[in-house]
Amino acid sequence: MADIFDVVADSTRRSLLTVLLEQYIASESPSGELSVSEIVEKLDLSQPTVSKHLKVLRDHGLVSVREDGQHRYYRLDSSPLEEVEDWLIPFLSADFHDDFDDELRESTGAFAAWSGADVGDNFGRRVAERTHQARSALHDVTEAAKHLPGTVRSRIFGKD
């Protein structure tokens, strides 16, 4: 698991993952692919920098690539992040109440009652969007906590 944390510790790679996630959520096609040049344009980074970081992400299974002639198209593969999610869930859900279980039962019943050709795709996109929002919020809180004075940080997080 340490390897995946090392990979996502880099802010450029997190930005790449975010751009690919946003493309996946916004895309009409199930692939959510972006070419290297599109990623370069969106992040305003050099092509060699983007390619270097995409290689690291590809080597760790976080993105997949499709070659079409001289062009490469990347898409997010979030399955390796499930290990991180499994590790984080106990921390993130520590304060949830039983109300959540009731709400979940109600929503899954409504979901099960609804059927259509795009059920899985639409549901997956909504889950991806909500997961992205939660991860962004967690990242923002973590970044803000770094700027707290040591005394306040130790009171909040119980560290010396």
N, C-alpha and C. Protein backbone atom coordinates (compact mmCIF):
# COMPACT_ATOMS: atom_id res chain seq x y z
N MET A 1 0.83 -1.19 0.00
CA MET A 1 0.00 0.00 0.00
C MET A 1 0.87 1.25 0.00
N ALA A 2 2.07 1.19 0.56
CA ALA A 2 2.92 2.38 0.61
C ALA A 2 3.21 2.92 -0.79
N ASP A 3 3.34 2.03 -1.77
CA ASP A 3 3.62 2.48 -3.12
C ASP A 3 2.55 3.42 -3.66
N ILE A 4 1.29 3.08 -3.44
CA ILE A 4 0.21 3.91 -3.96
C ILE A 4 0.20 5.27 -3.27
N PHE A 5 0.52 5.30 -1.98
CA PHE A 5 0.60 6.58 -1.28
C PHE A 5 1.74 7.43 -1.83
N ASP A 6 2.86 6.80 -2.16
CA ASP A 6 3.97 7.54 -2.76
C ASP A 6 3.55 8.13 -4.11
N VAL A 7 2.80 7.37 -4.86
CA VAL A 7 2.37 7.83 -6.19
C VAL A 7 1.45 9.04 -6.07
N VAL A 8 0.46 8.96 -5.19
CA VAL A 8 -0.51 10.06 -5.08
C VAL A 8 -0.01 11.19 -4.20
N ALA A 9 1.16 11.03 -3.60
CA ALA A 9 1.73 12.11 -2.78
C ALA A 9 2.19 13.28 -3.64
N ASP A 10 2.48 13.01 -4.89
CA ASP A 10 2.97 14.06 -5.79
C ASP A 10 1.80 14.90 -6.31
N SER A 11 1.91 16.21 -6.15
CA SER A 11 0.80 17.10 -6.52
C SER A 11 0.53 17.09 -8.03
N THR A 12 1.56 16.94 -8.84
CA THR A 12 1.35 16.89 -10.30
C THR A 12 0.55 15.65 -10.67
N ARG A 13 0.87 14.52 -10.06
CA ARG A 13 0.13 13.30 -10.36
C ARG A 13 -1.31 13.39 -9.85
N ARG A 14 -1.50 14.03 -8.70
CA ARG A 14 -2.88 14.24 -8.22
C ARG A 14 -3.65 15.12 -9.20
N SER A 15 -2.99 16.13 -9.74
CA SER A 15 -3.64 17.00 -10.73
C SER A 15 -4.00 16.21 -11.99
N LEU A 16 -3.11 15.34 -12.42
CA LEU A 16 -3.41 14.50 -13.59
C LEU A 16 -4.61 13.61 -13.32
N LEU A 17 -4.64 12.99 -12.15
CA LEU A 17 -5.77 12.13 -11.80
C LEU A 17 -7.07 12.93 -11.74
N THR A 18 -6.99 14.15 -11.21
CA THR A 18 -8.18 15.00 -11.11
C THR A 18 -8.71 15.36 -12.49
N VAL A 19 -7.82 15.73 -13.40
CA VAL A 19 -8.23 16.07 -14.77
C VAL A 19 -8.89 14.87 -15.44
N LEU A 20 -8.31 13.69 -15.25
CA LEU A 20 -8.90 12.49 -15.86
C LEU A 20 -10.23 12.13 -15.20
N LEU A 21 -10.35 12.34 -13.90
CA LEU A 21 -11.62 12.10 -13.22
C LEU A 21 -12.69 13.07 -13.73
N GLU A 22 -12.33 14.33 -13.84
CA GLU A 22 -13.29 15.33 -14.35
C GLU A 22 -13.73 14.99 -15.77
N GLN A 23 -12.81 14.51 -16.58
CA GLN A 23 -13.15 14.11 -17.95
C GLN A 23 -14.10 12.91 -17.92
N TYR A 24 -13.82 11.97 -17.04
CA TYR A 24 -14.68 10.78 -16.93
C TYR A 24 -16.10 11.18 -16.51
N ILE A 25 -16.20 12.07 -15.54
CA ILE A 25 -17.51 12.51 -15.04
C ILE A 25 -18.26 13.29 -16.11
N ALA A 26 -17.56 14.17 -16.82
CA ALA A 26 -18.21 15.05 -17.80
C ALA A 26 -18.43 14.38 -19.15
N SER A 27 -17.75 13.30 -19.42
CA SER A 27 -17.76 12.69 -20.74
C SER A 27 -19.08 11.99 -21.05
N GLU A 28 -19.48 12.11 -22.29
CA GLU A 28 -20.65 11.39 -22.78
C GLU A 28 -20.28 9.95 -23.12
N SER A 29 -19.00 9.73 -23.43
CA SER A 29 -18.56 8.39 -23.77
C SER A 29 -18.13 7.67 -22.49
N PRO A 30 -18.24 6.35 -22.46
CA PRO A 30 -17.87 5.63 -21.26
C PRO A 30 -16.37 5.63 -20.98
N SER A 31 -15.56 5.99 -21.97
CA SER A 31 -14.11 5.92 -21.78
C SER A 31 -13.55 7.08 -20.98
N GLY A 32 -14.03 8.29 -21.22
CA GLY A 32 -13.52 9.46 -20.51
C GLY A 32 -12.05 9.72 -20.80
N GLU A 33 -11.63 9.45 -22.03
CA GLU A 33 -10.22 9.58 -22.40
C GLU A 33 -9.83 11.02 -22.71
N LEU A 34 -8.54 11.29 -22.49
CA LEU A 34 -7.93 12.55 -22.91
C LEU A 34 -6.60 12.23 -23.56
N SER A 35 -6.27 12.98 -24.61
CA SER A 35 -4.96 12.82 -25.23
C SER A 35 -3.92 13.54 -24.37
N VAL A 36 -2.68 13.19 -24.57
CA VAL A 36 -1.59 13.84 -23.83
C VAL A 36 -1.62 15.34 -24.08
N SER A 37 -1.84 15.73 -25.33
CA SER A 37 -1.85 17.17 -25.64
C SER A 37 -3.01 17.89 -24.94
N GLU A 38 -4.15 17.23 -24.80
CA GLU A 38 -5.27 17.84 -24.07
C GLU A 38 -4.94 18.00 -22.59
N ILE A 39 -4.26 17.02 -22.03
CA ILE A 39 -3.85 17.10 -20.62
C ILE A 39 -2.84 18.22 -20.43
N VAL A 40 -1.87 18.31 -21.35
CA VAL A 40 -0.86 19.37 -21.30
C VAL A 40 -1.55 20.73 -21.30
N GLU A 41 -2.53 20.89 -22.17
CA GLU A 41 -3.24 22.17 -22.28
C GLU A 41 -4.03 22.48 -21.00
N LYS A 42 -4.72 21.49 -20.46
CA LYS A 42 -5.54 21.71 -19.27
C LYS A 42 -4.70 22.05 -18.04
N LEU A 43 -3.52 21.44 -17.92
CA LEU A 43 -2.70 21.65 -16.74
C LEU A 43 -1.61 22.70 -16.93
N ASP A 44 -1.44 23.15 -18.17
CA ASP A 44 -0.42 24.15 -18.48
C ASP A 44 0.96 23.68 -18.00
N LEU A 45 1.27 22.42 -18.32
CA LEU A 45 2.56 21.83 -18.01
C LEU A 45 3.24 21.44 -19.31
N SER A 46 4.54 21.18 -19.24
CA SER A 46 5.24 20.75 -20.45
C SER A 46 4.87 19.31 -20.77
N GLN A 47 4.98 18.97 -22.05
CA GLN A 47 4.65 17.62 -22.49
C GLN A 47 5.56 16.58 -21.83
N PRO A 48 6.89 16.82 -21.71
CA PRO A 48 7.74 15.83 -21.05
C PRO A 48 7.35 15.60 -19.58
N THR A 49 6.96 16.67 -18.88
CA THR A 49 6.55 16.54 -17.49
C THR A 49 5.29 15.69 -17.38
N VAL A 50 4.31 15.98 -18.22
CA VAL A 50 3.06 15.22 -18.21
C VAL A 50 3.34 13.76 -18.54
N SER A 51 4.13 13.51 -19.57
CA SER A 51 4.44 12.14 -19.98
C SER A 51 5.16 11.37 -18.88
N LYS A 52 6.09 12.03 -18.20
CA LYS A 52 6.84 11.38 -17.11
C LYS A 52 5.88 10.94 -16.00
N HIS A 53 4.98 11.82 -15.60
CA HIS A 53 4.06 11.49 -14.52
C HIS A 53 2.99 10.49 -14.96
N LEU A 54 2.56 10.57 -16.22
CA LEU A 54 1.61 9.59 -16.72
C LEU A 54 2.22 8.19 -16.72
N LYS A 55 3.52 8.10 -16.99
CA LYS A 55 4.20 6.80 -16.96
C LYS A 55 4.15 6.21 -15.55
N VAL A 56 4.41 7.04 -14.54
CA VAL A 56 4.35 6.56 -13.15
C VAL A 56 2.94 6.08 -12.83
N LEU A 57 1.94 6.87 -13.21
CA LEU A 57 0.55 6.48 -12.97
C LEU A 57 0.20 5.19 -13.71
N ARG A 58 0.68 5.07 -14.94
CA ARG A 58 0.42 3.86 -15.73
C ARG A 58 1.11 2.65 -15.10
N ASP A 59 2.35 2.82 -14.65
CA ASP A 59 3.10 1.72 -14.03
C ASP A 59 2.43 1.21 -12.76
N HIS A 60 1.67 2.07 -12.10
CA HIS A 60 0.98 1.67 -10.86
C HIS A 60 -0.50 1.37 -11.10
N GLY A 61 -0.91 1.33 -12.37
CA GLY A 61 -2.26 0.91 -12.72
C GLY A 61 -3.35 1.94 -12.49
N LEU A 62 -2.97 3.21 -12.27
CA LEU A 62 -3.96 4.25 -12.01
C LEU A 62 -4.54 4.85 -13.29
N VAL A 63 -3.86 4.67 -14.39
CA VAL A 63 -4.37 5.10 -15.69
C VAL A 63 -4.10 3.99 -16.70
N SER A 64 -4.91 3.97 -17.73
CA SER A 64 -4.65 3.06 -18.84
C SER A 64 -4.48 3.92 -20.09
N VAL A 65 -3.80 3.36 -21.07
CA VAL A 65 -3.50 4.11 -22.28
C VAL A 65 -3.98 3.34 -23.50
N ARG A 66 -4.46 4.10 -24.47
CA ARG A 66 -4.85 3.54 -25.76
C ARG A 66 -4.06 4.30 -26.81
N GLU A 67 -3.36 3.56 -27.64
CA GLU A 67 -2.57 4.19 -28.70
C GLU A 67 -3.37 4.18 -29.99
N ASP A 68 -3.32 5.32 -30.67
CA ASP A 68 -3.98 5.47 -31.96
C ASP A 68 -2.99 6.21 -32.86
N GLY A 69 -2.23 5.45 -33.63
CA GLY A 69 -1.16 6.06 -34.43
C GLY A 69 -0.10 6.61 -33.50
N GLN A 70 0.21 7.89 -33.66
CA GLN A 70 1.21 8.52 -32.79
C GLN A 70 0.58 9.16 -31.55
N HIS A 71 -0.72 9.06 -31.43
CA HIS A 71 -1.40 9.69 -30.30
C HIS A 71 -1.67 8.66 -29.20
N ARG A 72 -1.58 9.14 -27.96
CA ARG A 72 -1.90 8.30 -26.81
C ARG A 72 -3.06 8.94 -26.06
N TYR A 73 -4.03 8.11 -25.72
CA TYR A 73 -5.20 8.57 -24.99
C TYR A 73 -5.23 7.87 -23.63
N TYR A 74 -5.33 8.68 -22.59
CA TYR A 74 -5.31 8.16 -21.23
C TYR A 74 -6.68 8.24 -20.60
N ARG A 75 -6.94 7.28 -19.73
CA ARG A 75 -8.17 7.29 -18.95
C ARG A 75 -7.86 6.81 -17.54
N LEU A 76 -8.68 7.24 -16.63
CA LEU A 76 -8.53 6.90 -15.23
C LEU A 76 -8.90 5.45 -14.99
N ASP A 77 -8.11 4.78 -14.16
CA ASP A 77 -8.46 3.45 -13.67
C ASP A 77 -8.32 3.53 -12.15
N SER A 78 -9.41 3.74 -11.48
CA SER A 78 -9.36 4.02 -10.05
C SER A 78 -9.30 2.77 -9.18
N SER A 79 -9.29 1.59 -9.76
CA SER A 79 -9.31 0.37 -8.95
C SER A 79 -8.15 0.28 -7.96
N PRO A 80 -6.92 0.71 -8.29
CA PRO A 80 -5.86 0.66 -7.27
C PRO A 80 -6.13 1.58 -6.07
N LEU A 81 -6.96 2.60 -6.27
CA LEU A 81 -7.29 3.51 -5.17
C LEU A 81 -8.26 2.88 -4.18
N GLU A 82 -8.85 1.74 -4.54
CA GLU A 82 -9.75 1.06 -3.62
C GLU A 82 -9.01 0.63 -2.35
N GLU A 83 -7.74 0.28 -2.48
CA GLU A 83 -6.94 -0.09 -1.31
C GLU A 83 -6.80 1.11 -0.37
N VAL A 84 -6.58 2.28 -0.94
CA VAL A 84 -6.49 3.51 -0.14
C VAL A 84 -7.85 3.79 0.49
N GLU A 85 -8.90 3.66 -0.31
CA GLU A 85 -10.24 3.90 0.20
C GLU A 85 -10.56 2.95 1.36
N ASP A 86 -10.23 1.67 1.20
CA ASP A 86 -10.47 0.70 2.28
C ASP A 86 -9.75 1.10 3.56
N TRP A 87 -8.56 1.65 3.41
CA TRP A 87 -7.79 2.08 4.58
C TRP A 87 -8.41 3.33 5.20
N LEU A 88 -8.91 4.24 4.36
CA LEU A 88 -9.46 5.51 4.85
C LEU A 88 -10.86 5.41 5.43
N ILE A 89 -11.66 4.47 4.96
CA ILE A 89 -13.07 4.41 5.36
C ILE A 89 -13.27 4.41 6.87
N PRO A 90 -12.54 3.62 7.64
CA PRO A 90 -12.77 3.66 9.09
C PRO A 90 -12.55 5.06 9.68
N PHE A 91 -11.62 5.81 9.14
CA PHE A 91 -11.35 7.15 9.64
C PHE A 91 -12.46 8.13 9.23
N LEU A 92 -12.90 8.00 7.99
CA LEU A 92 -13.91 8.91 7.46
C LEU A 92 -15.31 8.62 7.99
N SER A 93 -15.56 7.39 8.37
CA SER A 93 -16.91 7.02 8.80
C SER A 93 -17.04 6.92 10.32
N ALA A 94 -16.03 7.31 11.05
CA ALA A 94 -16.05 7.17 12.51
C ALA A 94 -17.19 7.94 13.15
N ASP A 95 -17.61 9.05 12.57
CA ASP A 95 -18.65 9.88 13.17
C ASP A 95 -20.02 9.74 12.52
N PHE A 96 -20.17 8.80 11.58
CA PHE A 96 -21.47 8.62 10.96
C PHE A 96 -22.45 8.04 11.97
N HIS A 97 -23.71 8.38 11.81
CA HIS A 97 -24.74 7.91 12.73
C HIS A 97 -25.58 6.84 12.05
N ASP A 98 -26.43 6.22 12.84
CA ASP A 98 -27.32 5.19 12.31
C ASP A 98 -28.27 5.74 11.25
N ASP A 99 -28.49 7.05 11.26
CA ASP A 99 -29.36 7.67 10.26
C ASP A 99 -28.87 7.37 8.85
N PHE A 100 -27.55 7.29 8.72
CA PHE A 100 -26.98 7.02 7.40
C PHE A 100 -27.43 5.65 6.90
N ASP A 101 -27.47 4.65 7.79
CA ASP A 101 -27.90 3.32 7.39
C ASP A 101 -29.34 3.34 6.88
N ASP A 102 -30.23 4.08 7.57
CA ASP A 102 -31.61 4.19 7.12
C ASP A 102 -31.69 4.85 5.75
N GLU A 103 -30.93 5.93 5.58
CA GLU A 103 -30.93 6.66 4.31
C GLU A 103 -30.40 5.77 3.19
N LEU A 104 -29.37 4.99 3.49
CA LEU A 104 -28.79 4.10 2.49
C LEU A 104 -29.81 3.03 2.08
N ARG A 105 -30.51 2.46 3.04
CA ARG A 105 -31.52 1.45 2.71
C ARG A 105 -32.61 2.03 1.81
N GLU A 106 -33.05 3.25 2.12
CA GLU A 106 -34.08 3.89 1.31
C GLU A 106 -33.58 4.16 -0.11
N SER A 107 -32.36 4.68 -0.23
CA SER A 107 -31.86 5.03 -1.55
C SER A 107 -31.56 3.79 -2.39
N THR A 108 -31.08 2.71 -1.78
CA THR A 108 -30.81 1.51 -2.57
C THR A 108 -32.10 0.86 -3.03
N GLY A 109 -33.16 0.98 -2.21
CA GLY A 109 -34.46 0.46 -2.62
C GLY A 109 -34.98 1.20 -3.84
N ALA A 110 -34.86 2.52 -3.82
CA ALA A 110 -35.29 3.33 -4.96
C ALA A 110 -34.44 3.02 -6.18
N PHE A 111 -33.16 2.83 -5.97
CA PHE A 111 -32.27 2.52 -7.08
C PHE A 111 -32.63 1.17 -7.69
N ALA A 112 -32.90 0.20 -6.83
CA ALA A 112 -33.22 -1.14 -7.32
C ALA A 112 -34.54 -1.14 -8.10
N ALA A 113 -35.46 -0.25 -7.72
CA ALA A 113 -36.75 -0.19 -8.39
C ALA A 113 -36.66 0.46 -9.76
N TRP A 114 -35.65 1.25 -9.96
CA TRP A 114 -35.49 1.96 -11.23
C TRP A 114 -34.65 1.11 -12.17
N SER A 115 -35.00 1.04 -13.41
CA SER A 115 -34.17 0.30 -14.36
C SER A 115 -34.04 1.09 -15.64
N GLY A 116 -32.97 0.85 -16.33
CA GLY A 116 -32.72 1.53 -17.59
C GLY A 116 -31.38 1.09 -18.13
N ALA A 117 -31.13 1.40 -19.36
CA ALA A 117 -29.91 0.94 -20.02
C ALA A 117 -28.66 1.55 -19.41
N ASP A 118 -28.75 2.77 -18.88
CA ASP A 118 -27.57 3.46 -18.38
C ASP A 118 -27.48 3.48 -16.86
N VAL A 119 -28.18 2.61 -16.19
CA VAL A 119 -28.21 2.63 -14.73
C VAL A 119 -26.81 2.55 -14.15
N GLY A 120 -26.07 1.53 -14.51
CA GLY A 120 -24.73 1.35 -13.95
C GLY A 120 -23.81 2.50 -14.30
N ASP A 121 -23.86 2.95 -15.54
CA ASP A 121 -22.99 4.04 -15.97
C ASP A 121 -23.31 5.33 -15.23
N ASN A 122 -24.59 5.68 -15.15
CA ASN A 122 -24.98 6.90 -14.44
C ASN A 122 -24.67 6.81 -12.96
N PHE A 123 -24.95 5.68 -12.37
CA PHE A 123 -24.67 5.49 -10.95
C PHE A 123 -23.17 5.59 -10.70
N GLY A 124 -22.38 4.95 -11.56
CA GLY A 124 -20.92 4.99 -11.41
C GLY A 124 -20.38 6.40 -11.51
N ARG A 125 -20.92 7.18 -12.44
CA ARG A 125 -20.47 8.56 -12.58
C ARG A 125 -20.83 9.38 -11.34
N ARG A 126 -22.02 9.17 -10.81
CA ARG A 126 -22.42 9.91 -9.60
C ARG A 126 -21.54 9.52 -8.42
N VAL A 127 -21.25 8.23 -8.29
CA VAL A 127 -20.37 7.78 -7.22
C VAL A 127 -18.99 8.39 -7.40
N ALA A 128 -18.49 8.38 -8.63
CA ALA A 128 -17.17 8.97 -8.90
C ALA A 128 -17.16 10.45 -8.57
N GLU A 129 -18.23 11.15 -8.92
CA GLU A 129 -18.30 12.58 -8.63
C GLU A 129 -18.32 12.84 -7.13
N ARG A 130 -19.13 12.08 -6.39
CA ARG A 130 -19.20 12.26 -4.93
C ARG A 130 -17.88 11.88 -4.28
N THR A 131 -17.25 10.82 -4.76
CA THR A 131 -15.96 10.41 -4.22
C THR A 131 -14.92 11.50 -4.46
N HIS A 132 -14.95 12.08 -5.65
CA HIS A 132 -14.03 13.16 -5.97
C HIS A 132 -14.25 14.35 -5.04
N GLN A 133 -15.51 14.70 -4.79
CA GLN A 133 -15.81 15.81 -3.89
C GLN A 133 -15.31 15.51 -2.47
N ALA A 134 -15.51 14.28 -2.02
CA ALA A 134 -15.06 13.91 -0.67
C ALA A 134 -13.54 13.95 -0.59
N ARG A 135 -12.87 13.44 -1.61
CA ARG A 135 -11.40 13.46 -1.61
C ARG A 135 -10.87 14.89 -1.66
N SER A 136 -11.52 15.74 -2.44
CA SER A 136 -11.11 17.14 -2.51
C SER A 136 -11.27 17.81 -1.15
N ALA A 137 -12.38 17.54 -0.49
CA ALA A 137 -12.61 18.13 0.84
C ALA A 137 -11.57 17.63 1.83
N LEU A 138 -11.27 16.33 1.79
CA LEU A 138 -10.26 15.77 2.68
C LEU A 138 -8.90 16.40 2.41
N HIS A 139 -8.57 16.57 1.13
CA HIS A 139 -7.30 17.19 0.76
C HIS A 139 -7.24 18.62 1.28
N ASP A 140 -8.34 19.38 1.12
CA ASP A 140 -8.38 20.77 1.59
C ASP A 140 -8.18 20.86 3.09
N VAL A 141 -8.83 19.97 3.83
CA VAL A 141 -8.69 19.96 5.29
C VAL A 141 -7.26 19.61 5.69
N THR A 142 -6.70 18.63 5.02
CA THR A 142 -5.32 18.22 5.31
C THR A 142 -4.35 19.36 5.05
N GLU A 143 -4.54 20.05 3.92
CA GLU A 143 -3.67 21.18 3.60
C GLU A 143 -3.84 22.30 4.61
N ALA A 144 -5.07 22.59 5.01
CA ALA A 144 -5.32 23.65 5.99
C ALA A 144 -4.70 23.30 7.34
N ALA A 145 -4.76 22.02 7.70
CA ALA A 145 -4.21 21.59 8.99
C ALA A 145 -2.70 21.79 9.05
N LYS A 146 -2.03 21.73 7.91
CA LYS A 146 -0.58 21.93 7.88
C LYS A 146 -0.20 23.34 8.31
N HIS A 147 -1.12 24.27 8.15
CA HIS A 147 -0.83 25.67 8.45
C HIS A 147 -1.27 26.07 9.85
N LEU A 148 -1.84 25.14 10.60
CA LEU A 148 -2.24 25.44 11.98
C LEU A 148 -1.01 25.50 12.87
N PRO A 149 -1.00 26.38 13.84
CA PRO A 149 0.12 26.38 14.80
C PRO A 149 0.18 25.03 15.51
N GLY A 150 1.37 24.64 15.93
CA GLY A 150 1.58 23.34 16.57
C GLY A 150 0.66 23.10 17.75
N THR A 151 0.41 24.10 18.56
CA THR A 151 -0.44 23.94 19.74
C THR A 151 -1.86 23.58 19.34
N VAL A 152 -2.40 24.29 18.37
CA VAL A 152 -3.76 24.02 17.91
C VAL A 152 -3.82 22.64 17.27
N ARG A 153 -2.83 22.32 16.44
CA ARG A 153 -2.80 21.03 15.77
C ARG A 153 -2.77 19.89 16.79
N SER A 154 -1.98 20.04 17.86
CA SER A 154 -1.91 18.97 18.86
C SER A 154 -3.22 18.82 19.61
N ARG A 155 -3.94 19.92 19.83
CA ARG A 155 -5.24 19.83 20.51
C ARG A 155 -6.27 19.14 19.62
N ILE A 156 -6.25 19.44 18.33
CA ILE A 156 -7.22 18.86 17.41
C ILE A 156 -6.91 17.40 17.13
N PHE A 157 -5.66 17.11 16.83
CA PHE A 157 -5.29 15.77 16.39
C PHE A 157 -4.69 14.92 17.50
N GLY A 158 -4.51 15.50 18.69
CA GLY A 158 -3.99 14.74 19.83
C GLY A 158 -2.53 14.35 19.68
N LYS A 159 -1.77 15.16 18.97
CA LYS A 159 -0.35 14.89 18.77
C LYS A 159 0.46 15.96 19.48
N ASP A 160 1.64 15.59 19.88
CA ASP A 160 2.55 16.57 20.51
C ASP A 160 3.39 17.27 19.49
